C-alpha atoms as a PDB file:
ATOM      1  CA  MET A   1       5.592 218.279 -58.625  1.00  0.00           C
ATOM      2  CA  SER A   2       5.689 216.417 -55.025  1.00  0.00           C
ATOM      3  CA  GLY A   3       8.424 214.405 -53.641  1.00  0.00           C
ATOM      4  CA  PHE A   4       5.616 212.189 -52.100  1.00  0.00           C
ATOM      5  CA  SER A   5       6.812 208.449 -52.162  1.00  0.00           C
ATOM      6  CA  ALA A   6       5.659 206.531 -55.797  1.00  0.00           C
ATOM      7  CA  LYS A   7       3.742 204.370 -53.281  1.00  0.00           C
ATOM      8  CA  LEU A   8       2.039 206.988 -51.101  1.00  0.00           C
ATOM      9  CA  LEU A   9      -1.604 206.362 -53.056  1.00  0.00           C
ATOM     10  CA  GLN A  10      -0.821 202.912 -54.112  1.00  0.00           C
ATOM     11  CA  GLY A  11      -3.705 200.812 -55.269  1.00  0.00           C
ATOM     12  CA  LYS A  12      -5.815 203.938 -54.756  1.00  0.00           C
ATOM     13  CA  VAL A  13      -8.529 205.577 -57.035  1.00  0.00           C
ATOM     14  CA  GLY A  14     -10.624 208.741 -57.448  1.00  0.00           C
ATOM     15  CA  ILE A  15     -11.961 211.674 -58.952  1.00  0.00           C
ATOM     16  CA  VAL A  16     -11.013 215.252 -59.806  1.00  0.00           C
ATOM     17  CA  THR A  17     -13.225 217.753 -60.656  1.00  0.00           C
ATOM     18  CA  GLY A  18     -12.529 220.729 -62.798  1.00  0.00           C
ATOM     19  CA  ALA A  19      -9.860 218.814 -64.215  1.00  0.00           C
ATOM     20  CA  GLY A  20     -10.188 220.054 -68.037  1.00  0.00           C
ATOM     21  CA  SER A  21      -7.724 223.445 -67.925  1.00  0.00           C
ATOM     22  CA  PRO A  22      -4.885 223.572 -69.652  1.00  0.00           C
ATOM     23  CA  TYR A  23      -2.995 224.976 -66.747  1.00  0.00           C
ATOM     24  CA  GLY A  24      -4.347 224.659 -62.897  1.00  0.00           C
ATOM     25  CA  ILE A  25      -5.179 223.179 -59.793  1.00  0.00           C
ATOM     26  CA  GLY A  26      -7.226 220.460 -61.536  1.00  0.00           C
ATOM     27  CA  ARG A  27      -4.676 218.796 -64.422  1.00  0.00           C
ATOM     28  CA  SER A  28      -2.078 219.163 -61.220  1.00  0.00           C
ATOM     29  CA  LEU A  29      -4.007 217.454 -58.764  1.00  0.00           C
ATOM     30  CA  VAL A  30      -3.712 214.555 -61.594  1.00  0.00           C
ATOM     31  CA  LEU A  31      -0.450 215.089 -62.315  1.00  0.00           C
ATOM     32  CA  GLY A  32       0.298 215.192 -58.315  1.00  0.00           C
ATOM     33  CA  LEU A  33      -2.076 211.910 -57.249  1.00  0.00           C
ATOM     34  CA  ALA A  34      -0.242 210.178 -60.783  1.00  0.00           C
ATOM     35  CA  ALA A  35       2.719 210.464 -58.797  1.00  0.00           C
ATOM     36  CA  ALA A  36       2.025 209.663 -56.288  1.00  0.00           C
ATOM     37  CA  GLY A  37       1.123 206.342 -57.185  1.00  0.00           C
ATOM     38  CA  ALA A  38      -2.897 206.772 -57.872  1.00  0.00           C
ATOM     39  CA  ARG A  39      -4.154 203.469 -59.356  1.00  0.00           C
ATOM     40  CA  ALA A  40      -6.928 205.410 -61.337  1.00  0.00           C
ATOM     41  CA  VAL A  41      -8.484 209.117 -61.484  1.00  0.00           C
ATOM     42  CA  TYR A  42     -11.283 210.000 -63.365  1.00  0.00           C
ATOM     43  CA  ALA A  43     -10.726 213.581 -65.025  1.00  0.00           C
ATOM     44  CA  THR A  44     -13.564 215.634 -65.099  1.00  0.00           C
ATOM     45  CA  ASP A  45     -14.877 218.580 -66.463  1.00  0.00           C
ATOM     46  CA  LEU A  46     -17.910 220.088 -68.548  1.00  0.00           C
ATOM     47  CA  MET A  47     -14.986 220.434 -71.678  1.00  0.00           C
ATOM     48  CA  THR A  48     -12.540 217.659 -71.612  1.00  0.00           C
ATOM     49  CA  LYS A  49     -10.234 218.484 -74.712  1.00  0.00           C
ATOM     50  CA  HIS A  50      -7.368 219.423 -72.876  1.00  0.00           C
ATOM     51  CA  ILE A  51      -7.472 216.021 -70.985  1.00  0.00           C
ATOM     52  CA  ALA A  52      -5.803 214.070 -73.422  1.00  0.00           C
ATOM     53  CA  SER A  53      -2.944 215.872 -73.501  1.00  0.00           C
ATOM     54  CA  LEU A  54      -3.190 215.590 -69.529  1.00  0.00           C
ATOM     55  CA  ARG A  55      -3.176 211.855 -70.250  1.00  0.00           C
ATOM     56  CA  ASP A  56      -0.418 211.859 -72.135  1.00  0.00           C
ATOM     57  CA  GLU A  57       1.940 213.784 -69.983  1.00  0.00           C
ATOM     58  CA  VAL A  58       0.722 211.373 -66.993  1.00  0.00           C
ATOM     59  CA  LYS A  59       2.477 208.537 -68.961  1.00  0.00           C
ATOM     60  CA  LYS A  60       5.892 210.199 -70.274  1.00  0.00           C
ATOM     61  CA  SER A  61       6.107 210.840 -66.369  1.00  0.00           C
ATOM     62  CA  GLY A  62       6.157 207.048 -66.103  1.00  0.00           C
ATOM     63  CA  SER A  63       3.225 206.703 -64.347  1.00  0.00           C
ATOM     64  CA  SER A  64       0.952 203.464 -64.614  1.00  0.00           C
ATOM     65  CA  CYS A  65      -2.136 205.566 -63.283  1.00  0.00           C
ATOM     66  CA  GLU A  66      -5.179 205.258 -65.255  1.00  0.00           C
ATOM     67  CA  VAL A  67      -6.357 208.484 -66.332  1.00  0.00           C
ATOM     68  CA  ARG A  68     -10.287 208.622 -66.803  1.00  0.00           C
ATOM     69  CA  GLU A  69     -11.844 211.347 -68.882  1.00  0.00           C
ATOM     70  CA  HIS A  70     -15.516 212.095 -67.634  1.00  0.00           C
ATOM     71  CA  VAL A  71     -17.913 215.194 -68.693  1.00  0.00           C
ATOM     72  CA  LEU A  72     -19.173 216.500 -65.759  1.00  0.00           C
ATOM     73  CA  ASP A  73     -21.601 219.082 -64.873  1.00  0.00           C
ATOM     74  CA  VAL A  74     -20.788 219.723 -61.262  1.00  0.00           C
ATOM     75  CA  THR A  75     -24.418 220.852 -60.512  1.00  0.00           C
ATOM     76  CA  ASP A  76     -26.164 218.248 -61.712  1.00  0.00           C
ATOM     77  CA  GLU A  77     -26.934 215.491 -59.064  1.00  0.00           C
ATOM     78  CA  ALA A  78     -27.672 212.857 -61.562  1.00  0.00           C
ATOM     79  CA  GLN A  79     -24.406 213.239 -63.135  1.00  0.00           C
ATOM     80  CA  THR A  80     -22.580 213.190 -59.850  1.00  0.00           C
ATOM     81  CA  ILE A  81     -24.360 210.066 -59.038  1.00  0.00           C
ATOM     82  CA  GLU A  82     -23.854 208.558 -62.459  1.00  0.00           C
ATOM     83  CA  VAL A  83     -19.773 209.169 -62.251  1.00  0.00           C
ATOM     84  CA  LEU A  84     -19.559 207.538 -59.410  1.00  0.00           C
ATOM     85  CA  LYS A  85     -21.607 204.803 -59.834  1.00  0.00           C
ATOM     86  CA  LYS A  86     -19.142 204.175 -62.796  1.00  0.00           C
ATOM     87  CA  ILE A  87     -16.278 204.435 -60.708  1.00  0.00           C
ATOM     88  CA  ILE A  88     -17.775 201.931 -58.538  1.00  0.00           C
ATOM     89  CA  ALA A  89     -18.571 199.331 -61.043  1.00  0.00           C
ATOM     90  CA  ASP A  90     -15.035 200.027 -62.882  1.00  0.00           C
ATOM     91  CA  TYR A  91     -12.869 199.720 -59.490  1.00  0.00           C
ATOM     92  CA  GLY A  92     -15.054 198.958 -56.787  1.00  0.00           C
ATOM     93  CA  ARG A  93     -13.686 201.479 -54.862  1.00  0.00           C
ATOM     94  CA  LEU A  94     -13.982 205.329 -54.063  1.00  0.00           C
ATOM     95  CA  ASP A  95     -10.597 206.786 -51.996  1.00  0.00           C
ATOM     96  CA  PHE A  96     -10.682 210.578 -52.891  1.00  0.00           C
ATOM     97  CA  TYR A  97     -12.907 213.203 -54.387  1.00  0.00           C
ATOM     98  CA  PHE A  98     -11.144 216.513 -54.819  1.00  0.00           C
ATOM     99  CA  ALA A  99     -14.244 218.938 -55.412  1.00  0.00           C
ATOM    100  CA  ASN A 100     -12.426 221.474 -57.276  1.00  0.00           C
ATOM    101  CA  ALA A 101     -14.137 222.737 -60.314  1.00  0.00           C
ATOM    102  CA  GLY A 102     -14.953 226.449 -60.142  1.00  0.00           C
ATOM    103  CA  VAL A 103     -15.274 229.663 -62.011  1.00  0.00           C
ATOM    104  CA  GLY A 104     -13.119 232.968 -61.512  1.00  0.00           C
ATOM    105  CA  LEU A 105     -15.381 235.669 -62.761  1.00  0.00           C
ATOM    106  CA  TYR A 106     -16.184 239.048 -60.883  1.00  0.00           C
ATOM    107  CA  LYS A 107     -19.087 241.136 -60.782  1.00  0.00           C
ATOM    108  CA  PRO A 108     -19.270 244.378 -58.639  1.00  0.00           C
ATOM    109  CA  LEU A 109     -22.720 244.359 -56.814  1.00  0.00           C
ATOM    110  CA  PRO A 110     -24.612 246.761 -58.979  1.00  0.00           C
ATOM    111  CA  GLU A 111     -24.023 244.634 -61.845  1.00  0.00           C
ATOM    112  CA  THR A 112     -25.026 241.533 -59.762  1.00  0.00           C
ATOM    113  CA  ASP A 113     -28.295 239.502 -60.202  1.00  0.00           C
ATOM    114  CA  THR A 114     -30.244 236.704 -58.701  1.00  0.00           C
ATOM    115  CA  SER A 115     -29.493 234.557 -62.199  1.00  0.00           C
ATOM    116  CA  TYR A 116     -26.058 235.357 -62.194  1.00  0.00           C
ATOM    117  CA  TYR A 117     -25.457 235.203 -58.049  1.00  0.00           C
ATOM    118  CA  ASP A 118     -27.249 231.182 -57.917  1.00  0.00           C
ATOM    119  CA  LYS A 119     -24.790 229.908 -61.165  1.00  0.00           C
ATOM    120  CA  MET A 120     -22.316 231.079 -58.707  1.00  0.00           C
ATOM    121  CA  ILE A 121     -23.440 229.192 -55.859  1.00  0.00           C
ATOM    122  CA  ASN A 122     -24.747 226.174 -57.829  1.00  0.00           C
ATOM    123  CA  ILE A 123     -21.555 225.825 -59.665  1.00  0.00           C
ATOM    124  CA  MET A 124     -19.242 226.658 -56.028  1.00  0.00           C
ATOM    125  CA  GLN A 125     -21.385 225.332 -53.140  1.00  0.00           C
ATOM    126  CA  ARG A 126     -23.919 223.024 -54.442  1.00  0.00           C
ATOM    127  CA  SER A 127     -21.359 221.061 -56.403  1.00  0.00           C
ATOM    128  CA  PHE A 128     -19.561 220.295 -53.186  1.00  0.00           C
ATOM    129  CA  PHE A 129     -22.268 219.326 -50.768  1.00  0.00           C
ATOM    130  CA  LEU A 130     -23.018 216.857 -54.258  1.00  0.00           C
ATOM    131  CA  ALA A 131     -19.345 215.961 -53.744  1.00  0.00           C
ATOM    132  CA  ILE A 132     -19.559 215.284 -49.684  1.00  0.00           C
ATOM    133  CA  ARG A 133     -23.214 213.636 -49.840  1.00  0.00           C
ATOM    134  CA  TYR A 134     -22.538 211.619 -52.495  1.00  0.00           C
ATOM    135  CA  GLY A 135     -18.788 211.213 -52.595  1.00  0.00           C
ATOM    136  CA  GLY A 136     -19.353 210.134 -48.683  1.00  0.00           C
ATOM    137  CA  GLN A 137     -21.649 207.145 -49.649  1.00  0.00           C
ATOM    138  CA  ALA A 138     -19.507 205.690 -52.794  1.00  0.00           C
ATOM    139  CA  MET A 139     -16.696 205.779 -50.197  1.00  0.00           C
ATOM    140  CA  SER A 140     -18.722 203.546 -48.022  1.00  0.00           C
ATOM    141  CA  ASN A 141     -18.641 200.727 -50.558  1.00  0.00           C
ATOM    142  CA  ILE A 142     -16.002 197.746 -50.043  1.00  0.00           C
ATOM    143  CA  CYS A 143     -14.256 195.471 -52.021  1.00  0.00           C
ATOM    144  CA  ALA A 144     -11.724 192.843 -52.114  1.00  0.00           C
ATOM    145  CA  GLU A 145      -8.492 195.528 -52.082  1.00  0.00           C
ATOM    146  CA  LYS A 146     -10.483 198.006 -49.580  1.00  0.00           C
ATOM    147  CA  PRO A 147     -12.263 195.782 -46.935  1.00  0.00           C
ATOM    148  CA  ALA A 148     -13.458 198.529 -45.078  1.00  0.00           C
ATOM    149  CA  PRO A 149     -14.831 202.205 -45.856  1.00  0.00           C
ATOM    150  CA  GLY A 150     -13.206 205.095 -45.587  1.00  0.00           C
ATOM    151  CA  GLY A 151     -11.500 207.808 -47.728  1.00  0.00           C
ATOM    152  CA  SER A 152     -10.678 211.558 -47.799  1.00  0.00           C
ATOM    153  CA  ILE A 153     -12.785 214.436 -49.937  1.00  0.00           C
ATOM    154  CA  ILE A 154     -11.123 217.499 -50.498  1.00  0.00           C
ATOM    155  CA  VAL A 155     -12.687 220.647 -51.768  1.00  0.00           C
ATOM    156  CA  THR A 156     -11.386 223.939 -52.982  1.00  0.00           C
ATOM    157  CA  SER A 157     -12.156 227.229 -51.492  1.00  0.00           C
ATOM    158  CA  SER A 158     -10.304 230.066 -51.130  1.00  0.00           C
ATOM    159  CA  MET A 159      -8.873 233.000 -49.250  1.00  0.00           C
ATOM    160  CA  ALA A 160     -12.042 235.273 -50.674  1.00  0.00           C
ATOM    161  CA  GLY A 161     -14.136 233.067 -48.606  1.00  0.00           C
ATOM    162  CA  ALA A 162     -12.149 234.795 -44.939  1.00  0.00           C
ATOM    163  CA  SER A 163     -12.203 238.391 -46.986  1.00  0.00           C
ATOM    164  CA  GLY A 164     -14.478 241.057 -48.352  1.00  0.00           C
ATOM    165  CA  GLY A 165     -11.871 242.559 -49.914  1.00  0.00           C
ATOM    166  CA  VAL A 166     -10.315 239.665 -52.392  1.00  0.00           C
ATOM    167  CA  SER A 167     -13.571 238.875 -54.729  1.00  0.00           C
ATOM    168  CA  ASP A 168     -17.445 239.574 -55.281  1.00  0.00           C
ATOM    169  CA  ILE A 169     -20.444 238.658 -52.585  1.00  0.00           C
ATOM    170  CA  SER A 170     -20.811 235.847 -54.638  1.00  0.00           C
ATOM    171  CA  TYR A 171     -18.169 234.246 -55.169  1.00  0.00           C
ATOM    172  CA  SER A 172     -16.925 235.341 -51.720  1.00  0.00           C
ATOM    173  CA  SER A 173     -20.001 233.829 -49.845  1.00  0.00           C
ATOM    174  CA  ALA A 174     -20.069 230.622 -52.216  1.00  0.00           C
ATOM    175  CA  LYS A 175     -16.335 230.048 -51.350  1.00  0.00           C
ATOM    176  CA  ALA A 176     -17.386 230.883 -47.241  1.00  0.00           C
ATOM    177  CA  ALA A 177     -20.121 228.486 -47.465  1.00  0.00           C
ATOM    178  CA  VAL A 178     -17.457 225.743 -49.058  1.00  0.00           C
ATOM    179  CA  SER A 179     -15.143 226.501 -45.850  1.00  0.00           C
ATOM    180  CA  GLY A 180     -18.121 226.180 -43.509  1.00  0.00           C
ATOM    181  CA  MET A 181     -18.834 222.468 -44.932  1.00  0.00           C
ATOM    182  CA  ALA A 182     -15.638 220.865 -44.055  1.00  0.00           C
ATOM    183  CA  LYS A 183     -16.534 220.632 -40.431  1.00  0.00           C
ATOM    184  CA  PRO A 184     -20.218 219.415 -40.569  1.00  0.00           C
ATOM    185  CA  GLY A 185     -19.109 217.227 -43.258  1.00  0.00           C
ATOM    186  CA  ALA A 186     -16.792 215.425 -41.169  1.00  0.00           C
ATOM    187  CA  VAL A 187     -18.626 214.905 -38.495  1.00  0.00           C
ATOM    188  CA  GLN A 188     -21.665 213.814 -40.560  1.00  0.00           C
ATOM    189  CA  LEU A 189     -18.965 210.994 -42.468  1.00  0.00           C
ATOM    190  CA  SER A 190     -17.065 210.198 -39.246  1.00  0.00           C
ATOM    191  CA  SER A 191     -18.693 206.645 -39.011  1.00  0.00           C
ATOM    192  CA  THR A 192     -17.746 205.950 -42.418  1.00  0.00           C
ATOM    193  CA  ASN A 193     -14.212 207.432 -41.965  1.00  0.00           C
ATOM    194  CA  VAL A 194     -14.243 209.457 -44.483  1.00  0.00           C
ATOM    195  CA  ARG A 195     -12.164 212.707 -43.965  1.00  0.00           C
ATOM    196  CA  VAL A 196     -13.611 216.454 -45.171  1.00  0.00           C
ATOM    197  CA  ASN A 197     -11.170 219.112 -45.573  1.00  0.00           C
ATOM    198  CA  ALA A 198     -10.979 222.313 -47.708  1.00  0.00           C
ATOM    199  CA  ILE A 199      -8.157 223.914 -49.169  1.00  0.00           C
ATOM    200  CA  ALA A 200      -8.425 228.122 -49.366  1.00  0.00           C
ATOM    201  CA  PRO A 201      -5.800 229.331 -51.944  1.00  0.00           C
ATOM    202  CA  GLY A 202      -4.731 232.574 -52.555  1.00  0.00           C
ATOM    203  CA  PHE A 203      -3.826 233.834 -55.943  1.00  0.00           C
ATOM    204  CA  VAL A 204      -2.978 231.141 -58.233  1.00  0.00           C
ATOM    205  CA  ARG A 205      -1.601 231.455 -61.475  1.00  0.00           C
ATOM    206  CA  SER A 206      -3.722 229.132 -63.911  1.00  0.00           C
ATOM    207  CA  SER A 207      -5.471 229.416 -66.854  1.00  0.00           C
ATOM    208  CA  ILE A 208      -9.557 229.842 -65.561  1.00  0.00           C
ATOM    209  CA  VAL A 209      -8.654 232.394 -64.081  1.00  0.00           C
ATOM    210  CA  SER A 210      -6.784 234.653 -66.834  1.00  0.00           C
ATOM    211  CA  SER A 211      -9.210 233.462 -68.845  1.00  0.00           C
ATOM    212  CA  SER A 212     -12.374 235.273 -66.685  1.00  0.00           C
ATOM    213  CA  ALA A 213      -9.916 238.025 -66.506  1.00  0.00           C
ATOM    214  CA  GLY A 214      -9.726 238.893 -70.007  1.00  0.00           C
ATOM    215  CA  PHE A 215      -7.817 235.765 -72.073  1.00  0.00           C
ATOM    216  CA  ASP A 216      -8.459 235.438 -75.482  1.00  0.00           C
ATOM    217  CA  THR A 217     -11.051 232.997 -75.055  1.00  0.00           C
ATOM    218  CA  SER A 218     -11.263 232.649 -78.925  1.00  0.00           C
ATOM    219  CA  ARG A 219      -8.478 230.289 -78.351  1.00  0.00           C
ATOM    220  CA  ASP A 220     -10.259 227.967 -76.083  1.00  0.00           C
ATOM    221  CA  ASP A 221     -11.080 225.661 -78.928  1.00  0.00           C
ATOM    222  CA  LYS A 222      -7.529 224.868 -79.260  1.00  0.00           C
ATOM    223  CA  PRO A 223      -4.650 223.365 -76.850  1.00  0.00           C
ATOM    224  CA  TYR A 224      -2.434 226.331 -75.517  1.00  0.00           C
ATOM    225  CA  GLU A 225       0.846 226.275 -73.996  1.00  0.00           C
ATOM    226  CA  LYS A 226       1.385 226.732 -70.232  1.00  0.00           C
ATOM    227  CA  LYS A 227       3.547 229.471 -70.909  1.00  0.00           C
ATOM    228  CA  ASP A 228       0.484 231.405 -73.122  1.00  0.00           C
ATOM    229  CA  ALA A 229      -1.569 230.965 -69.921  1.00  0.00           C
ATOM    230  CA  ALA A 230       0.732 232.022 -67.640  1.00  0.00           C
ATOM    231  CA  SER A 231       1.261 235.083 -69.315  1.00  0.00           C
ATOM    232  CA  ALA A 232      -2.072 235.957 -69.558  1.00  0.00           C
ATOM    233  CA  PHE A 233      -2.435 235.568 -66.019  1.00  0.00           C
ATOM    234  CA  ASP A 234       0.765 237.870 -65.213  1.00  0.00           C
ATOM    235  CA  ARG A 235      -0.970 240.733 -67.505  1.00  0.00           C
ATOM    236  CA  THR A 236      -4.527 240.750 -66.043  1.00  0.00           C
ATOM    237  CA  MET A 237      -3.685 239.556 -62.208  1.00  0.00           C
ATOM    238  CA  GLY A 238       0.123 240.344 -61.932  1.00  0.00           C
ATOM    239  CA  ARG A 239      -0.945 243.597 -60.352  1.00  0.00           C
ATOM    240  CA  PHE A 240      -1.413 241.808 -56.954  1.00  0.00           C
ATOM    241  CA  ALA A 241       1.928 240.233 -57.147  1.00  0.00           C
ATOM    242  CA  SER A 242       5.051 242.060 -55.482  1.00  0.00           C
ATOM    243  CA  GLU A 243       8.511 240.585 -54.333  1.00  0.00           C
ATOM    244  CA  LYS A 244       8.303 243.429 -51.118  1.00  0.00           C
ATOM    245  CA  HIS A 245       7.027 240.834 -49.064  1.00  0.00           C
ATOM    246  CA  TYR A 246       6.687 236.957 -48.304  1.00  0.00           C
ATOM    247  CA  TYR A 247       2.537 236.985 -48.403  1.00  0.00           C
ATOM    248  CA  SER A 248       2.430 238.920 -51.839  1.00  0.00           C
ATOM    249  CA  ARG A 249       3.836 236.009 -53.827  1.00  0.00           C
ATOM    250  CA  ILE A 250       1.602 234.599 -56.637  1.00  0.00           C
ATOM    251  CA  LEU A 251       0.929 230.858 -55.951  1.00  0.00           C
ATOM    252  CA  GLU A 252       2.075 228.206 -58.730  1.00  0.00           C
ATOM    253  CA  PRO A 253      -0.921 225.385 -59.209  1.00  0.00           C
ATOM    254  CA  GLU A 254       1.763 222.996 -58.078  1.00  0.00           C
ATOM    255  CA  GLU A 255       1.812 224.024 -54.377  1.00  0.00           C
ATOM    256  CA  ILE A 256      -2.261 223.482 -54.120  1.00  0.00           C
ATOM    257  CA  ALA A 257      -1.701 220.130 -55.729  1.00  0.00           C
ATOM    258  CA  ASN A 258       0.836 218.825 -53.081  1.00  0.00           C
ATOM    259  CA  ILE A 259      -1.344 219.822 -50.208  1.00  0.00           C
ATOM    260  CA  GLY A 260      -4.202 217.707 -51.964  1.00  0.00           C
ATOM    261  CA  VAL A 261      -2.447 214.861 -52.781  1.00  0.00           C
ATOM    262  CA  PHE A 262      -0.958 215.091 -48.964  1.00  0.00           C
ATOM    263  CA  LEU A 263      -4.537 215.645 -47.728  1.00  0.00           C
ATOM    264  CA  ALA A 264      -5.733 212.151 -49.880  1.00  0.00           C
ATOM    265  CA  SER A 265      -2.990 210.320 -47.723  1.00  0.00           C
ATOM    266  CA  ASP A 266      -2.807 208.636 -44.672  1.00  0.00           C
ATOM    267  CA  LEU A 267       0.153 211.133 -43.896  1.00  0.00           C
ATOM    268  CA  ALA A 268      -2.983 213.214 -42.825  1.00  0.00           C
ATOM    269  CA  ALA A 269      -4.993 210.965 -41.524  1.00  0.00           C
ATOM    270  CA  SER A 270      -5.207 213.500 -38.033  1.00  0.00           C
ATOM    271  CA  ILE A 271      -6.357 216.183 -40.198  1.00  0.00           C
ATOM    272  CA  ASN A 272     -10.056 216.254 -40.379  1.00  0.00           C
ATOM    273  CA  GLY A 273     -12.776 219.194 -40.187  1.00  0.00           C
ATOM    274  CA  GLU A 274     -10.159 221.794 -41.633  1.00  0.00           C
ATOM    275  CA  ASN A 275      -9.884 224.594 -43.855  1.00  0.00           C
ATOM    276  CA  ILE A 276      -6.408 225.224 -44.596  1.00  0.00           C
ATOM    277  CA  MET A 277      -5.448 228.633 -45.721  1.00  0.00           C
ATOM    278  CA  ALA A 278      -2.705 228.626 -48.224  1.00  0.00           C
ATOM    279  CA  ASP A 279      -1.857 231.770 -49.714  1.00  0.00           C
ATOM    280  CA  SER A 280       1.473 232.539 -48.686  1.00  0.00           C
ATOM    281  CA  GLY A 281      -0.125 234.845 -45.073  1.00  0.00           C
ATOM    282  CA  ARG A 282      -2.419 237.590 -47.742  1.00  0.00           C
ATOM    283  CA  ILE A 283      -5.126 237.055 -45.416  1.00  0.00           C
ATOM    284  CA  ALA A 284      -2.765 237.480 -42.142  1.00  0.00           C
ATOM    285  CA  ALA A 285      -1.482 240.721 -43.653  1.00  0.00           C
ATOM    286  CA  GLY A 286      -4.819 242.427 -44.012  1.00  0.00           C
ATOM    287  CA  SER A 287      -4.170 243.344 -47.410  1.00  0.00           C
ATOM    288  CA  ASN A 288      -7.477 244.715 -49.546  1.00  0.00           C
ATOM    289  CA  TYR A 289      -7.585 243.827 -53.433  1.00  0.00           C
ATOM    290  CA  ASN A 290     -10.208 245.165 -54.591  1.00  0.00           C
ATOM    291  CA  GLU A 291     -10.652 248.251 -56.431  1.00  0.00           C
ATOM    292  CA  PRO A 292     -13.106 251.295 -54.862  1.00  0.00           C
ATOM    293  CA  MET A 293     -16.059 250.052 -55.289  1.00  0.00           C
ATOM    294  CA  PRO A 294     -19.047 251.676 -57.647  1.00  0.00           C
ATOM    295  CA  ARG A 295     -22.130 253.622 -55.907  1.00  0.00           C
ATOM    296  CA  MET A 296     -25.548 252.158 -55.902  1.00  0.00           C
ATOM    297  CA  THR A 297     -28.168 253.625 -57.978  1.00  0.00           C
ATOM    298  CA  PRO A 298     -31.387 254.849 -55.943  1.00  0.00           C
ATOM    299  CA  LEU A 299     -34.294 252.367 -56.985  1.00  0.00           C
ATOM    300  CA  GLN A 300     -36.801 254.504 -58.908  1.00  0.00           C
ATOM    301  CA  PRO A 301     -40.607 254.651 -57.224  1.00  0.00           C
END
C-alpha cells in the first residue's frame, strides 16, 4: 500500500462506495485510508459479504480505523441521504467521499437498448451527482473536532470517458459525464471549502472487471482469494497488457487508491476541479482497444 504517514488523515471520517468486491479499487481505498490514519470509513456496496474480511485486514495491519459496513444502492437518493445522516449522527462530521461504485459491462451498440443505457447512467452518473449534491451538504456539518466546513469528494471516472475506443457508448458517456462534473462541482461547493476531483484510471486488475468479462460469477457467494480474481482478469483482459511500452501496463488497485488518499488529504489542498488521468499514458499513445464494430441492421418498415 502507500507510504503515507499514519497521521495524514488522523481523525477524519468518510465513505467509500463500491467497497464490497474482494479485489478492487474500493477495497484498496479503504485499506489506504485506514493506513493514513482515518478514524472511520463507511464501506458501502449492494453486496457486503466481503467487507468482514476487509475489516479483518485493516485490524491485522495495526490500524485503529473503524470500518463500518453499510448496504447502499448508490442510485437511490433516499439511501444516500440516510447513510450520510448516519455518519453525521455517529461522528458529527464527513471529511471525504469516494464515489467509486460502478460496473464494467460492455455491449455493442446494436445490442444496447434504453433499459441498459439508463441502468449504466444511473449507476455511474446519477450516483456521482448524488455524492456531490449530498456529500457536499454533509461536509458543511461542523463539530467540536471540526470547527469549519470542508472536505474532499473524489469520483472514479475512467480513461473510457476520454476515448471512443475503450468501451461501449453507455459506459464511456457515463464516465465522460463524471469527469465533467468535477469542475462545476468544485465551483458550486467552493463556499463550503469542499474540493471535487475525478480520477480516470486505465485498465485496472480487479475482480469487478474480470467478473463482467466472464469470470465464474457462481462463486460470488463465497469469499475468493485475490490471486483468483487476478488470474481471472489476466485470462479475460490480459490481451491489453504488454511489456513493450510503459503505457501498456495493467494497473493495480493500490495505485489508484494512493491517488485517492492523496486527494483526500491536505497535501492536495490546491487540486480542485480536476480530472486526473491515471492510465500510464494509454490515452496519450492514442491506441484503440475495441474489436471491429458490428454493422447496424436496417430498420424494417
